[in-house]
């Protein structure tokens, strides 16, 4: 793919910049537009938006939310030794969902080294 500095022509560079600035249109997953309906006027919706590594845009959004929640818990939460027994039980119950998801629903990915 040509880059703006090394493109075949000025028209190719212009097409790259038009795409980068959204002048060819903006596409978002339907879940985001359902959550923020006013975006529907300016964007085109699509059911699932694939990304690199066979992921989806919503998958990236979910990962960002989960990592942010995990960091907030790790940085601002109390240590287990300073919690009451009831609070420890609540934390264990809340984390059980993550464990069940990791064990039963997450599909393992092939290590990148083996793809060459």
C-alpha atoms as a PDB file:
ATOM      1  CA  UNK A   1       0.000   0.000   0.000  1.00  0.00           C
ATOM      2  CA  UNK A   2       1.487   3.344  -0.932  1.00  0.00           C
ATOM      3  CA  UNK A   3       2.148   5.881   1.779  1.00  0.00           C
ATOM      4  CA  UNK A   4       1.583   9.628   1.328  1.00  0.00           C
ATOM      5  CA  UNK A   5       5.329  10.324   1.121  1.00  0.00           C
ATOM      6  CA  UNK A   6       6.115   7.378  -1.134  1.00  0.00           C
ATOM      7  CA  UNK A   7       2.863   6.980  -3.070  1.00  0.00           C
ATOM      8  CA  UNK A   8       2.555   6.380  -6.788  1.00  0.00           C
ATOM      9  CA  UNK A   9       1.029   9.795  -7.349  1.00  0.00           C
ATOM     10  CA  UNK A  10      -0.471  12.814  -5.635  1.00  0.00           C
ATOM     11  CA  UNK A  11      -3.930  11.322  -6.283  1.00  0.00           C
ATOM     12  CA  UNK A  12      -2.960   8.219  -4.314  1.00  0.00           C
ATOM     13  CA  UNK A  13      -1.700  10.362  -1.435  1.00  0.00           C
ATOM     14  CA  UNK A  14      -4.924  12.373  -1.545  1.00  0.00           C
ATOM     15  CA  UNK A  15      -7.007   9.186  -1.400  1.00  0.00           C
ATOM     16  CA  UNK A  16      -5.029   8.026   1.650  1.00  0.00           C
ATOM     17  CA  UNK A  17      -5.607  11.343   3.432  1.00  0.00           C
ATOM     18  CA  UNK A  18      -9.331  11.345   2.545  1.00  0.00           C
ATOM     19  CA  UNK A  19      -9.637   7.919   4.131  1.00  0.00           C
ATOM     20  CA  UNK A  20      -7.630   8.921   7.210  1.00  0.00           C
ATOM     21  CA  UNK A  21      -9.873  11.939   7.858  1.00  0.00           C
ATOM     22  CA  UNK A  22     -13.115  10.007   7.299  1.00  0.00           C
ATOM     23  CA  UNK A  23     -14.117  11.820   4.131  1.00  0.00           C
ATOM     24  CA  UNK A  24     -15.031   8.490   2.525  1.00  0.00           C
ATOM     25  CA  UNK A  25     -17.440   7.788   5.385  1.00  0.00           C
ATOM     26  CA  UNK A  26     -17.215   6.327   8.881  1.00  0.00           C
ATOM     27  CA  UNK A  27     -18.295   2.779   9.742  1.00  0.00           C
ATOM     28  CA  UNK A  28     -19.024   1.622  13.307  1.00  0.00           C
ATOM     29  CA  UNK A  29     -20.446  -1.589  14.783  1.00  0.00           C
ATOM     30  CA  UNK A  30     -24.202  -1.556  15.298  1.00  0.00           C
ATOM     31  CA  UNK A  31     -23.750  -2.051  19.067  1.00  0.00           C
ATOM     32  CA  UNK A  32     -22.043   1.333  19.432  1.00  0.00           C
ATOM     33  CA  UNK A  33     -24.697   3.122  17.372  1.00  0.00           C
ATOM     34  CA  UNK A  34     -27.428   1.392  19.409  1.00  0.00           C
ATOM     35  CA  UNK A  35     -25.728   2.674  22.574  1.00  0.00           C
ATOM     36  CA  UNK A  36     -25.322   6.214  21.144  1.00  0.00           C
ATOM     37  CA  UNK A  37     -28.248   6.613  18.707  1.00  0.00           C
ATOM     38  CA  UNK A  38     -27.333  10.171  17.652  1.00  0.00           C
ATOM     39  CA  UNK A  39     -24.275   8.798  15.866  1.00  0.00           C
ATOM     40  CA  UNK A  40     -26.626   7.113  13.383  1.00  0.00           C
ATOM     41  CA  UNK A  41     -26.907  10.345  11.394  1.00  0.00           C
ATOM     42  CA  UNK A  42     -23.189  10.513  10.631  1.00  0.00           C
ATOM     43  CA  UNK A  43     -21.995   6.912  10.456  1.00  0.00           C
ATOM     44  CA  UNK A  44     -22.781   3.715   8.621  1.00  0.00           C
ATOM     45  CA  UNK A  45     -23.414   0.667  10.792  1.00  0.00           C
ATOM     46  CA  UNK A  46     -22.148  -2.834  10.275  1.00  0.00           C
ATOM     47  CA  UNK A  47     -22.913  -5.976  12.282  1.00  0.00           C
ATOM     48  CA  UNK A  48     -19.359  -6.929  13.187  1.00  0.00           C
ATOM     49  CA  UNK A  49     -16.191  -5.072  12.303  1.00  0.00           C
ATOM     50  CA  UNK A  50     -13.155  -7.346  11.929  1.00  0.00           C
ATOM     51  CA  UNK A  51      -9.680  -6.231  12.981  1.00  0.00           C
ATOM     52  CA  UNK A  52      -6.253  -7.790  12.827  1.00  0.00           C
ATOM     53  CA  UNK A  53      -5.908 -11.210  14.450  1.00  0.00           C
ATOM     54  CA  UNK A  54      -9.539 -12.150  13.699  1.00  0.00           C
ATOM     55  CA  UNK A  55     -10.783  -9.891  16.502  1.00  0.00           C
ATOM     56  CA  UNK A  56     -13.601  -7.364  16.388  1.00  0.00           C
ATOM     57  CA  UNK A  57     -13.852  -3.691  17.246  1.00  0.00           C
ATOM     58  CA  UNK A  58     -16.297  -4.471  20.071  1.00  0.00           C
ATOM     59  CA  UNK A  59     -13.818  -7.036  21.373  1.00  0.00           C
ATOM     60  CA  UNK A  60     -11.179  -4.306  21.601  1.00  0.00           C
ATOM     61  CA  UNK A  61     -13.665  -2.036  23.395  1.00  0.00           C
ATOM     62  CA  UNK A  62     -14.513  -4.806  25.865  1.00  0.00           C
ATOM     63  CA  UNK A  63     -10.824  -5.468  26.500  1.00  0.00           C
ATOM     64  CA  UNK A  64     -10.182  -1.793  27.209  1.00  0.00           C
ATOM     65  CA  UNK A  65     -13.065  -1.705  29.702  1.00  0.00           C
ATOM     66  CA  UNK A  66     -11.905  -4.883  31.459  1.00  0.00           C
ATOM     67  CA  UNK A  67      -8.256  -3.799  31.649  1.00  0.00           C
ATOM     68  CA  UNK A  68      -9.292  -0.385  32.989  1.00  0.00           C
ATOM     69  CA  UNK A  69     -11.509  -2.030  35.615  1.00  0.00           C
ATOM     70  CA  UNK A  70      -8.700  -4.410  36.583  1.00  0.00           C
ATOM     71  CA  UNK A  71      -6.203  -1.568  36.920  1.00  0.00           C
ATOM     72  CA  UNK A  72      -8.665   0.443  39.020  1.00  0.00           C
ATOM     73  CA  UNK A  73      -9.149  -2.521  41.339  1.00  0.00           C
ATOM     74  CA  UNK A  74      -5.429  -3.210  41.546  1.00  0.00           C
ATOM     75  CA  UNK A  75      -4.379   0.392  42.114  1.00  0.00           C
ATOM     76  CA  UNK A  76      -7.216   1.741  44.248  1.00  0.00           C
ATOM     77  CA  UNK A  77      -8.695  -1.324  45.944  1.00  0.00           C
ATOM     78  CA  UNK A  78      -7.829  -2.560  49.404  1.00  0.00           C
ATOM     79  CA  UNK A  79      -5.428  -5.412  49.884  1.00  0.00           C
ATOM     80  CA  UNK A  80      -7.041  -8.703  50.878  1.00  0.00           C
ATOM     81  CA  UNK A  81      -5.423  -8.682  54.313  1.00  0.00           C
ATOM     82  CA  UNK A  82      -7.159  -5.383  55.135  1.00  0.00           C
ATOM     83  CA  UNK A  83     -10.624  -6.538  53.960  1.00  0.00           C
ATOM     84  CA  UNK A  84     -13.343  -7.980  56.096  1.00  0.00           C
ATOM     85  CA  UNK A  85     -14.351 -11.588  55.488  1.00  0.00           C
ATOM     86  CA  UNK A  86     -17.565 -10.434  53.808  1.00  0.00           C
ATOM     87  CA  UNK A  87     -15.648  -8.181  51.408  1.00  0.00           C
ATOM     88  CA  UNK A  88     -13.252 -11.024  50.552  1.00  0.00           C
ATOM     89  CA  UNK A  89     -16.211 -13.277  49.744  1.00  0.00           C
ATOM     90  CA  UNK A  90     -17.701 -10.590  47.460  1.00  0.00           C
ATOM     91  CA  UNK A  91     -14.382 -10.192  45.630  1.00  0.00           C
ATOM     92  CA  UNK A  92     -14.091 -13.943  45.123  1.00  0.00           C
ATOM     93  CA  UNK A  93     -17.643 -14.085  43.787  1.00  0.00           C
ATOM     94  CA  UNK A  94     -17.050 -11.170  41.431  1.00  0.00           C
ATOM     95  CA  UNK A  95     -13.844 -12.679  40.063  1.00  0.00           C
ATOM     96  CA  UNK A  96     -15.428 -16.102  39.537  1.00  0.00           C
ATOM     97  CA  UNK A  97     -17.015 -14.858  36.300  1.00  0.00           C
ATOM     98  CA  UNK A  98     -13.608 -13.972  34.863  1.00  0.00           C
ATOM     99  CA  UNK A  99     -12.230 -17.393  35.793  1.00  0.00           C
ATOM    100  CA  UNK A 100     -15.170 -19.244  34.241  1.00  0.00           C
ATOM    101  CA  UNK A 101     -14.829 -17.176  31.060  1.00  0.00           C
ATOM    102  CA  UNK A 102     -11.088 -17.815  30.821  1.00  0.00           C
ATOM    103  CA  UNK A 103     -11.460 -21.549  31.377  1.00  0.00           C
ATOM    104  CA  UNK A 104     -14.501 -22.390  29.284  1.00  0.00           C
ATOM    105  CA  UNK A 105     -15.248 -19.660  26.735  1.00  0.00           C
ATOM    106  CA  UNK A 106     -11.910 -18.180  25.648  1.00  0.00           C
ATOM    107  CA  UNK A 107     -10.479 -19.803  22.544  1.00  0.00           C
ATOM    108  CA  UNK A 108      -6.737 -20.376  22.629  1.00  0.00           C
ATOM    109  CA  UNK A 109      -4.693 -18.536  20.027  1.00  0.00           C
ATOM    110  CA  UNK A 110      -1.794 -20.098  18.187  1.00  0.00           C
ATOM    111  CA  UNK A 111       1.558 -18.692  19.277  1.00  0.00           C
ATOM    112  CA  UNK A 112       2.808 -16.210  16.686  1.00  0.00           C
ATOM    113  CA  UNK A 113       6.148 -18.009  16.310  1.00  0.00           C
ATOM    114  CA  UNK A 114       4.416 -21.034  14.776  1.00  0.00           C
ATOM    115  CA  UNK A 115       2.775 -18.984  12.027  1.00  0.00           C
ATOM    116  CA  UNK A 116       5.995 -18.484  10.031  1.00  0.00           C
END
